[in-house]
Amino acid sequence: MTIRASSVLRTLLTTCTLAIAAMIVWLAATPQSTLLAAPARVRLYVLDCGTIAPMDPTLFGVKPEEVKREVTFVTPCYLVVHPKGTLIWDVGQVPDQDIPEDGTEVVRQGILKAKHRLAPQLAALGYQPKNITFVAMSHYHADHTANANMFAGSTWIVQQAEYEAMFSEAKLDIRSPETYGELKGAKRITLNNEDHDVFGDGTVIIKTAPGHTPGHQMLFLKLVRFGPLLLAGDLYHLPEERTLDRVPSFEFDAAMTRQTRTRVDEFVRATGAAMWIQHDPPTYAGLKKAPQYYD
């Protein structure tokens, strides 16, 4: 081998070595979510964000003899993965930092229970909170906002009336501003009691549903295999509220809730959508949980 050929070979080897080293550094530094191949169609993952201890059924407009069971709830979180990005829907009731790593169940506010952190559940699917494209919550109540600050780098989708309530100086029940305060500086899509097509193709739509809170909203998905699906937020808490036409005692505006329910019933009939009452344990028990998904 000539001196010149040897020199060229050394240069090539050095270049290759540097390129490989740079790739290793990039892979280590790049969030895993950016390395995942985008799915061909929308996926929905159901995550475990806790349970709620038994409560007085009269809070929800029903009598004990009308439900004939303990009124306990589940609190799911949901991750929507779209070919163009991701959306986290409802973010838990106990902040991750309050849940021990060993999975010991903790209780906050006397009834809100959790033993699984949200961030590790996302990580198990290949996503990090800071890389989630959009964050949206059905409403501001504390059992839906616990990890909102974790998504301050996402674009927040919120109704104007809800935003105003969340940052109002007035004393409002079931509100924990410390859990979502960092969203005030986040990039925001603010809606005026209106629906919003999140990815612009009709598959993931925020739907306005005021009444439970001033800017309560729901999430409608068009899933190829499962079909149309409506995540109803707290439009209902118990199936009996729907069958018996009852409204919780703590609604922002009960008459508005009834109007919204009528409109939603018409929407469900027109679209043939399945409607999941998010807090309902029997509904949740029958669902596939992450890492399984609906598509």
Protein backbone atom coordinates (compact mmCIF):
# COMPACT_ATOMS: atom_id res chain seq x y z
CA MET A 1 0.00 0.00 0.00
CA THR A 2 1.38 3.43 -0.92
CA ILE A 3 1.82 6.18 1.64
CA ARG A 4 -0.90 8.20 -0.11
CA ALA A 5 -3.38 5.26 -0.06
CA SER A 6 -2.61 4.62 3.60
CA SER A 7 -3.29 8.28 4.39
CA VAL A 8 -6.61 8.23 2.53
CA LEU A 9 -7.65 5.06 4.35
CA ARG A 10 -6.81 6.59 7.73
CA THR A 11 -8.84 9.66 6.82
CA LEU A 12 -11.84 7.53 5.82
CA LEU A 13 -11.63 5.48 8.99
CA THR A 14 -11.40 8.62 11.11
CA THR A 15 -14.39 10.14 9.31
CA CYS A 16 -16.46 6.98 9.78
CA THR A 17 -15.51 6.78 13.44
CA LEU A 18 -16.52 10.41 14.02
CA ALA A 19 -19.79 9.89 12.16
CA ILE A 20 -20.64 6.83 14.25
CA ALA A 21 -19.76 8.67 17.45
CA ALA A 22 -21.95 11.60 16.42
CA MET A 23 -24.84 9.24 15.68
CA ILE A 24 -24.50 7.61 19.10
CA VAL A 25 -24.56 11.02 20.80
CA TRP A 26 -27.59 12.05 18.74
CA LEU A 27 -29.48 8.88 19.58
CA ALA A 28 -28.73 9.33 23.27
CA ALA A 29 -29.85 12.94 23.25
CA THR A 30 -32.89 12.62 21.00
CA PRO A 31 -36.21 11.94 22.77
CA GLN A 32 -37.45 8.48 21.95
CA SER A 33 -40.76 9.86 20.72
CA THR A 34 -39.01 11.56 17.80
CA LEU A 35 -37.48 8.25 16.76
CA LEU A 36 -40.78 6.37 16.61
CA ALA A 37 -42.29 5.75 13.22
CA ALA A 38 -45.61 7.57 12.92
CA PRO A 39 -48.54 5.15 12.80
CA ALA A 40 -50.50 4.83 9.59
CA ARG A 41 -53.73 5.76 11.40
CA VAL A 42 -54.96 7.15 14.71
CA ARG A 43 -54.34 5.12 17.86
CA LEU A 44 -55.85 5.55 21.32
CA TYR A 45 -54.06 4.32 24.44
CA VAL A 46 -55.91 4.05 27.78
CA LEU A 47 -53.71 4.83 30.80
CA ASP A 48 -54.23 4.25 34.54
CA CYS A 49 -54.39 7.52 36.48
CA GLY A 50 -56.07 6.26 39.63
CA THR A 51 -59.36 5.65 41.39
CA ILE A 52 -61.73 7.68 43.54
CA ALA A 53 -62.98 6.41 46.90
CA PRO A 54 -66.71 5.91 47.56
CA MET A 55 -68.81 9.06 47.56
CA ASP A 56 -72.37 10.04 48.43
CA PRO A 57 -74.51 9.21 45.38
CA THR A 58 -76.76 12.20 46.05
CA LEU A 59 -73.88 14.39 44.89
CA PHE A 60 -74.66 13.04 41.44
CA GLY A 61 -78.40 13.46 41.65
CA VAL A 62 -79.22 9.83 42.43
CA LYS A 63 -80.40 8.04 45.56
CA PRO A 64 -78.53 5.11 47.12
CA GLU A 65 -81.39 2.74 46.30
CA GLU A 66 -81.19 3.82 42.64
CA VAL A 67 -77.56 2.75 42.23
CA LYS A 68 -77.46 -0.17 44.72
CA ARG A 69 -73.65 -0.13 44.92
CA GLU A 70 -70.79 1.96 46.21
CA VAL A 71 -70.26 5.02 44.05
CA THR A 72 -66.56 4.64 43.27
CA PHE A 73 -64.84 5.99 40.18
CA VAL A 74 -61.83 5.37 37.99
CA THR A 75 -59.74 8.16 36.50
CA PRO A 76 -58.14 7.24 33.18
CA CYS A 77 -55.78 9.35 31.10
CA TYR A 78 -55.61 8.91 27.34
CA LEU A 79 -52.89 9.23 24.73
CA VAL A 80 -53.91 9.80 21.12
CA VAL A 81 -51.21 9.08 18.54
CA HIS A 82 -51.89 10.52 15.07
CA PRO A 83 -49.67 10.37 11.97
CA LYS A 84 -49.08 14.11 12.46
CA GLY A 85 -48.49 14.19 16.23
CA THR A 86 -49.80 13.32 19.68
CA LEU A 87 -52.48 14.51 22.08
CA ILE A 88 -52.71 13.78 25.80
CA TRP A 89 -56.32 13.93 27.04
CA ASP A 90 -56.84 14.43 30.80
CA VAL A 91 -53.71 14.20 32.91
CA GLY A 92 -54.55 12.52 36.20
CA GLN A 93 -55.58 13.34 39.74
CA VAL A 94 -52.35 12.89 41.73
CA PRO A 95 -49.13 14.57 40.51
CA ASP A 96 -46.36 12.16 39.56
CA GLN A 97 -44.03 13.68 42.15
CA ASP A 98 -46.46 12.64 44.92
CA ILE A 99 -46.53 8.96 43.87
CA PRO A 100 -43.69 6.77 45.22
CA GLU A 101 -41.54 4.96 42.67
CA ASP A 102 -42.33 1.63 44.34
CA GLY A 103 -46.00 1.95 43.37
CA THR A 104 -47.36 2.45 46.86
CA GLU A 105 -50.85 3.87 46.56
CA VAL A 106 -51.25 7.43 47.83
CA VAL A 107 -54.40 9.36 48.67
CA ARG A 108 -54.89 13.08 48.12
CA GLN A 109 -57.83 15.24 49.21
CA GLY A 110 -59.17 12.24 51.10
CA ILE A 111 -60.54 10.38 48.07
CA LEU A 112 -58.16 10.70 45.09
CA LYS A 113 -56.00 7.57 44.86
CA ALA A 114 -53.14 6.67 42.53
CA LYS A 115 -50.20 4.28 42.41
CA HIS A 116 -49.00 4.64 38.81
CA ARG A 117 -47.16 7.70 37.55
CA LEU A 118 -48.19 9.09 34.19
CA ALA A 119 -44.73 9.82 32.76
CA PRO A 120 -43.47 6.21 33.03
CA GLN A 121 -46.64 4.99 31.35
CA LEU A 122 -45.91 7.31 28.44
CA ALA A 123 -42.25 6.26 28.42
CA ALA A 124 -43.27 2.61 28.15
CA LEU A 125 -45.02 3.55 24.90
CA GLY A 126 -41.99 5.50 23.67
CA TYR A 127 -43.10 9.06 24.49
CA GLN A 128 -41.89 11.80 26.80
CA PRO A 129 -44.18 14.53 28.19
CA LYS A 130 -42.03 17.34 26.77
CA ASN A 131 -42.51 15.97 23.26
CA ILE A 132 -46.30 15.57 23.30
CA THR A 133 -47.73 17.83 20.59
CA PHE A 134 -51.03 18.83 22.21
CA VAL A 135 -52.50 18.73 25.70
CA ALA A 136 -56.23 19.07 26.39
CA MET A 137 -58.35 18.41 29.44
CA SER A 138 -62.07 17.87 29.61
CA HIS A 139 -62.25 20.49 32.38
CA TYR A 140 -60.39 22.09 35.27
CA HIS A 141 -61.47 19.87 38.18
CA ALA A 142 -58.54 18.53 40.19
CA ASP A 143 -59.05 14.91 39.19
CA HIS A 144 -58.23 15.86 35.57
CA THR A 145 -55.35 18.34 35.90
CA ALA A 146 -52.75 16.81 38.25
CA ASN A 147 -49.89 16.58 35.75
CA ALA A 148 -50.78 19.50 33.50
CA ASN A 149 -47.55 21.38 34.27
CA MET A 150 -45.65 18.43 32.80
CA PHE A 151 -47.00 19.42 29.38
CA ALA A 152 -46.14 23.13 29.41
CA GLY A 153 -44.04 22.52 26.28
CA SER A 154 -47.10 21.26 24.39
CA THR A 155 -49.79 23.33 22.69
CA TRP A 156 -52.74 23.61 25.08
CA ILE A 157 -56.27 23.39 23.63
CA VAL A 158 -58.81 25.02 25.94
CA GLN A 159 -62.15 26.81 25.79
CA GLN A 160 -61.97 30.52 26.65
CA ALA A 161 -64.57 30.19 29.41
CA GLU A 162 -62.58 27.38 31.00
CA TYR A 163 -59.33 29.31 30.77
CA GLU A 164 -60.95 32.27 32.53
CA ALA A 165 -62.31 30.02 35.30
CA MET A 166 -58.96 28.30 35.78
CA PHE A 167 -57.12 31.56 36.35
CA SER A 168 -59.91 33.46 38.06
CA GLU A 169 -59.27 35.06 41.45
CA ALA A 170 -62.65 33.78 42.60
CA LYS A 171 -62.83 30.86 45.01
CA LEU A 172 -63.87 27.79 43.04
CA ASP A 173 -64.30 24.28 44.39
CA ILE A 174 -62.51 21.19 43.02
CA ARG A 175 -59.74 23.36 41.58
CA SER A 176 -55.98 22.97 42.10
CA PRO A 177 -54.29 25.86 40.24
CA GLU A 178 -50.82 24.74 41.34
CA THR A 179 -51.18 21.68 39.09
CA TYR A 180 -51.69 23.66 35.88
CA GLY A 181 -50.20 27.11 36.53
CA GLU A 182 -47.33 26.59 34.08
CA LEU A 183 -49.79 26.20 31.22
CA LYS A 184 -50.50 29.93 31.40
CA GLY A 185 -47.27 30.54 29.50
CA ALA A 186 -47.74 27.63 27.09
CA LYS A 187 -48.56 27.95 23.42
CA ARG A 188 -52.35 27.89 23.34
CA ILE A 189 -55.30 27.29 21.02
CA THR A 190 -58.21 29.09 22.68
CA LEU A 191 -61.72 28.17 21.59
CA ASN A 192 -64.88 30.23 21.97
CA ASN A 193 -67.45 27.55 22.88
CA GLU A 194 -66.58 25.74 19.65
CA ASP A 195 -65.31 22.47 18.27
CA HIS A 196 -61.75 22.08 17.00
CA ASP A 197 -60.26 19.63 14.47
CA VAL A 198 -56.92 18.93 16.13
CA PHE A 199 -55.00 17.51 13.16
CA GLY A 200 -57.13 18.94 10.37
CA ASP A 201 -58.45 15.67 8.95
CA GLY A 202 -61.58 15.03 11.00
CA THR A 203 -60.18 12.12 13.00
CA VAL A 204 -59.50 13.87 16.33
CA ILE A 205 -61.98 16.58 17.31
CA ILE A 206 -62.37 18.56 20.53
CA LYS A 207 -66.09 19.11 21.08
CA THR A 208 -67.49 21.87 23.25
CA ALA A 209 -69.82 20.59 26.01
CA PRO A 210 -70.38 23.33 28.63
CA GLY A 211 -72.39 22.92 31.80
CA HIS A 212 -70.37 20.78 34.17
CA THR A 213 -67.85 23.64 34.09
CA PRO A 214 -68.01 26.82 31.96
CA GLY A 215 -65.81 25.38 29.23
CA HIS A 216 -66.16 21.64 29.65
CA GLN A 217 -65.24 19.73 26.48
CA MET A 218 -65.16 16.18 25.08
CA LEU A 219 -62.98 14.29 22.62
CA PHE A 220 -64.35 12.64 19.47
CA LEU A 221 -62.26 10.13 17.53
CA LYS A 222 -62.82 8.45 14.19
CA LEU A 223 -61.01 5.14 14.57
CA VAL A 224 -60.72 2.89 11.53
CA ARG A 225 -61.20 -0.47 13.23
CA PHE A 226 -63.12 0.47 16.36
CA GLY A 227 -65.31 3.10 14.74
CA PRO A 228 -66.39 6.52 16.03
CA LEU A 229 -65.78 7.09 19.75
CA LEU A 230 -66.70 9.90 22.12
CA LEU A 231 -64.74 10.39 25.36
CA ALA A 232 -67.41 12.26 27.29
CA GLY A 233 -65.31 13.80 30.05
CA ASP A 234 -67.67 14.48 32.98
CA LEU A 235 -70.80 15.00 30.90
CA TYR A 236 -71.89 12.00 32.97
CA HIS A 237 -70.23 10.31 35.94
CA LEU A 238 -72.70 7.45 36.38
CA PRO A 239 -74.78 5.64 33.75
CA GLU A 240 -77.79 6.31 36.01
CA GLU A 241 -77.42 10.04 35.41
CA ARG A 242 -78.20 9.31 31.78
CA THR A 243 -80.94 6.74 32.21
CA LEU A 244 -82.71 8.60 35.03
CA ASP A 245 -82.05 12.10 33.66
CA ARG A 246 -80.24 13.32 36.78
CA VAL A 247 -77.68 16.11 37.10
CA PRO A 248 -74.96 16.39 39.78
CA SER A 249 -75.43 18.94 42.52
CA PHE A 250 -72.15 20.71 41.77
CA GLU A 251 -72.65 21.61 38.11
CA PHE A 252 -71.61 25.08 37.01
CA ASP A 253 -74.95 25.39 35.18
CA ALA A 254 -77.40 22.47 35.40
CA ALA A 255 -79.67 23.83 32.66
CA MET A 256 -76.68 24.19 30.35
CA THR A 257 -75.66 20.61 31.16
CA ARG A 258 -79.09 19.36 30.12
CA GLN A 259 -78.90 21.31 26.87
CA THR A 260 -75.46 19.88 26.16
CA ARG A 261 -76.63 16.35 26.92
CA THR A 262 -79.52 16.70 24.47
CA ARG A 263 -77.16 17.94 21.78
CA VAL A 264 -74.66 15.16 22.50
CA ASP A 265 -77.36 12.48 22.35
CA GLU A 266 -78.29 13.76 18.90
CA PHE A 267 -74.62 13.71 17.87
CA VAL A 268 -74.16 10.15 19.11
CA ARG A 269 -77.23 8.97 17.21
CA ALA A 270 -76.15 10.74 14.04
CA THR A 271 -72.58 9.41 14.09
CA GLY A 272 -73.21 5.99 15.62
CA ALA A 273 -70.42 6.75 18.09
CA ALA A 274 -69.73 4.70 21.18
CA MET A 275 -69.67 6.98 24.23
CA TRP A 276 -67.38 6.19 27.13
CA ILE A 277 -68.31 7.63 30.52
CA GLN A 278 -64.74 8.18 31.64
CA HIS A 279 -65.23 7.72 35.39
CA ASP A 280 -67.44 4.61 35.14
CA PRO A 281 -65.63 1.52 36.54
CA PRO A 282 -67.55 -1.10 34.48
CA THR A 283 -66.81 0.80 31.27
CA TYR A 284 -63.13 1.08 32.17
CA ALA A 285 -62.85 -2.55 33.25
CA GLY A 286 -63.80 -3.74 29.79
CA LEU A 287 -61.28 -1.60 27.92
CA LYS A 288 -57.92 -2.60 26.50
CA LYS A 289 -55.17 -0.91 28.49
CA ALA A 290 -51.81 0.33 27.24
CA PRO A 291 -49.65 -0.96 25.66
CA GLN A 292 -52.66 -2.34 23.80
CA TYR A 293 -54.53 0.30 21.84
CA TYR A 294 -57.62 1.10 19.81
CA ASP A 295 -57.28 2.08 16.17
